[in-house]
């Protein structure tokens, strides 16, 4: 049986789960008091931190989901995303509009990455 490792586990969820060479992150959000671009930067900083804790990095992201509270923020989030993703390393990605956990949140990012 393959081992399952959980990082930053709480009562409801873990921030990351590692299994069979794959890292699954919970949805990451930024500072809810910030504008959407700063929230996006906060999401991606959390992704970087969790991937490092798991032993990998953003060059190994396989897929990403970007959830926006309002698709009007799509261009602003893409600008932050495009500056963050290493050239030639863009993962498969989907983006959509969804009601998030609290009305102050404007963007949430989920990723799945491979371990080296």
Protein backbone atom coordinates (compact mmCIF):
# COMPACT_ATOMS: atom_id res chain seq x y z
CA UNK A 1 0.00 0.00 0.00
CA UNK A 2 1.33 3.44 -0.95
CA UNK A 3 2.00 5.90 1.83
CA UNK A 4 -0.11 9.07 2.07
CA UNK A 5 1.51 12.14 3.61
CA UNK A 6 -0.62 15.09 4.72
CA UNK A 7 0.77 18.59 5.32
CA UNK A 8 -0.76 21.27 7.52
CA UNK A 9 -3.65 19.03 8.51
CA UNK A 10 -6.59 20.47 10.39
CA UNK A 11 -9.98 19.16 11.42
CA UNK A 12 -11.60 19.81 8.04
CA UNK A 13 -8.76 19.45 5.54
CA UNK A 14 -5.07 19.25 4.80
CA UNK A 15 -3.38 21.99 2.81
CA UNK A 16 -1.46 19.36 0.82
CA UNK A 17 -1.63 15.60 0.35
CA UNK A 18 1.21 13.60 -1.20
CA UNK A 19 0.59 10.19 -2.75
CA UNK A 20 2.38 8.14 -5.42
CA UNK A 21 4.72 10.97 -6.42
CA UNK A 22 1.92 13.52 -6.77
CA UNK A 23 1.12 16.55 -4.61
CA UNK A 24 -2.50 17.70 -4.35
CA UNK A 25 -3.05 21.17 -2.88
CA UNK A 26 -6.22 22.47 -1.28
CA UNK A 27 -7.56 25.70 -2.70
CA UNK A 28 -5.27 28.59 -1.82
CA UNK A 29 -6.48 32.13 -1.20
CA UNK A 30 -4.80 35.44 -0.46
CA UNK A 31 -5.54 38.30 1.91
CA UNK A 32 -9.29 38.95 1.64
CA UNK A 33 -8.74 42.67 2.35
CA UNK A 34 -6.50 43.05 -0.73
CA UNK A 35 -7.43 43.79 -4.34
CA UNK A 36 -7.73 40.87 -6.76
CA UNK A 37 -4.16 41.13 -8.10
CA UNK A 38 -2.71 41.08 -4.58
CA UNK A 39 -5.01 38.19 -3.64
CA UNK A 40 -3.73 36.29 -6.68
CA UNK A 41 -0.12 36.96 -5.65
CA UNK A 42 -0.97 35.68 -2.15
CA UNK A 43 -2.56 32.51 -3.58
CA UNK A 44 0.52 31.81 -5.67
CA UNK A 45 2.89 32.52 -2.78
CA UNK A 46 0.98 29.92 -0.76
CA UNK A 47 1.27 27.48 -3.67
CA UNK A 48 5.05 28.08 -3.79
CA UNK A 49 5.37 27.56 -0.04
CA UNK A 50 3.34 24.34 0.04
CA UNK A 51 5.06 22.87 -2.99
CA UNK A 52 8.45 23.58 -1.39
CA UNK A 53 7.28 21.93 1.84
CA UNK A 54 6.24 18.90 -0.22
CA UNK A 55 9.62 18.78 -1.97
CA UNK A 56 8.74 20.18 -5.39
CA UNK A 57 8.12 23.51 -7.12
CA UNK A 58 5.95 25.32 -9.66
CA UNK A 59 7.93 23.96 -12.63
CA UNK A 60 6.36 20.56 -11.82
CA UNK A 61 2.70 21.68 -11.70
CA UNK A 62 0.62 19.35 -13.84
CA UNK A 63 -2.75 21.09 -13.66
CA UNK A 64 -4.26 24.18 -12.07
CA UNK A 65 -7.76 25.45 -11.44
CA UNK A 66 -8.34 29.16 -10.96
CA UNK A 67 -11.67 30.14 -9.45
CA UNK A 68 -12.80 33.75 -9.68
CA UNK A 69 -15.70 35.32 -7.83
CA UNK A 70 -16.22 37.49 -10.92
CA UNK A 71 -14.90 36.78 -14.43
CA UNK A 72 -14.39 40.54 -14.78
CA UNK A 73 -11.16 39.89 -12.79
CA UNK A 74 -9.87 37.36 -15.37
CA UNK A 75 -7.38 39.73 -17.05
CA UNK A 76 -5.96 41.03 -13.75
CA UNK A 77 -5.44 37.50 -12.42
CA UNK A 78 -3.93 36.35 -15.72
CA UNK A 79 -1.40 39.18 -15.55
CA UNK A 80 -0.23 37.95 -12.14
CA UNK A 81 -0.34 34.31 -13.26
CA UNK A 82 1.67 34.97 -16.44
CA UNK A 83 4.41 36.73 -14.46
CA UNK A 84 4.54 33.80 -11.98
CA UNK A 85 4.61 30.80 -14.33
CA UNK A 86 8.13 30.00 -15.58
CA UNK A 87 8.53 30.30 -19.36
CA UNK A 88 7.82 26.99 -21.06
CA UNK A 89 6.42 25.45 -17.86
CA UNK A 90 2.73 26.38 -18.07
CA UNK A 91 0.50 23.61 -16.68
CA UNK A 92 -2.84 22.51 -18.03
CA UNK A 93 -5.23 25.08 -16.54
CA UNK A 94 -8.90 25.86 -16.22
CA UNK A 95 -10.49 29.05 -14.93
CA UNK A 96 -14.07 29.69 -14.01
CA UNK A 97 -16.43 31.81 -11.98
CA UNK A 98 -17.70 30.49 -8.67
CA UNK A 99 -19.03 31.74 -5.38
CA UNK A 100 -16.05 31.39 -3.00
CA UNK A 101 -16.06 30.59 0.71
CA UNK A 102 -16.50 34.23 1.76
CA UNK A 103 -17.58 37.24 -0.30
CA UNK A 104 -14.24 39.01 0.35
CA UNK A 105 -12.33 36.30 -1.53
CA UNK A 106 -12.01 37.09 -5.23
CA UNK A 107 -9.67 34.31 -6.40
CA UNK A 108 -8.76 30.78 -5.31
CA UNK A 109 -6.13 28.54 -6.90
CA UNK A 110 -5.87 24.73 -6.72
CA UNK A 111 -2.93 22.79 -8.18
CA UNK A 112 -1.70 19.25 -8.63
CA UNK A 113 2.05 18.81 -9.04
CA UNK A 114 4.56 16.01 -9.55
CA UNK A 115 7.42 15.31 -7.18
CA UNK A 116 10.90 15.22 -8.74
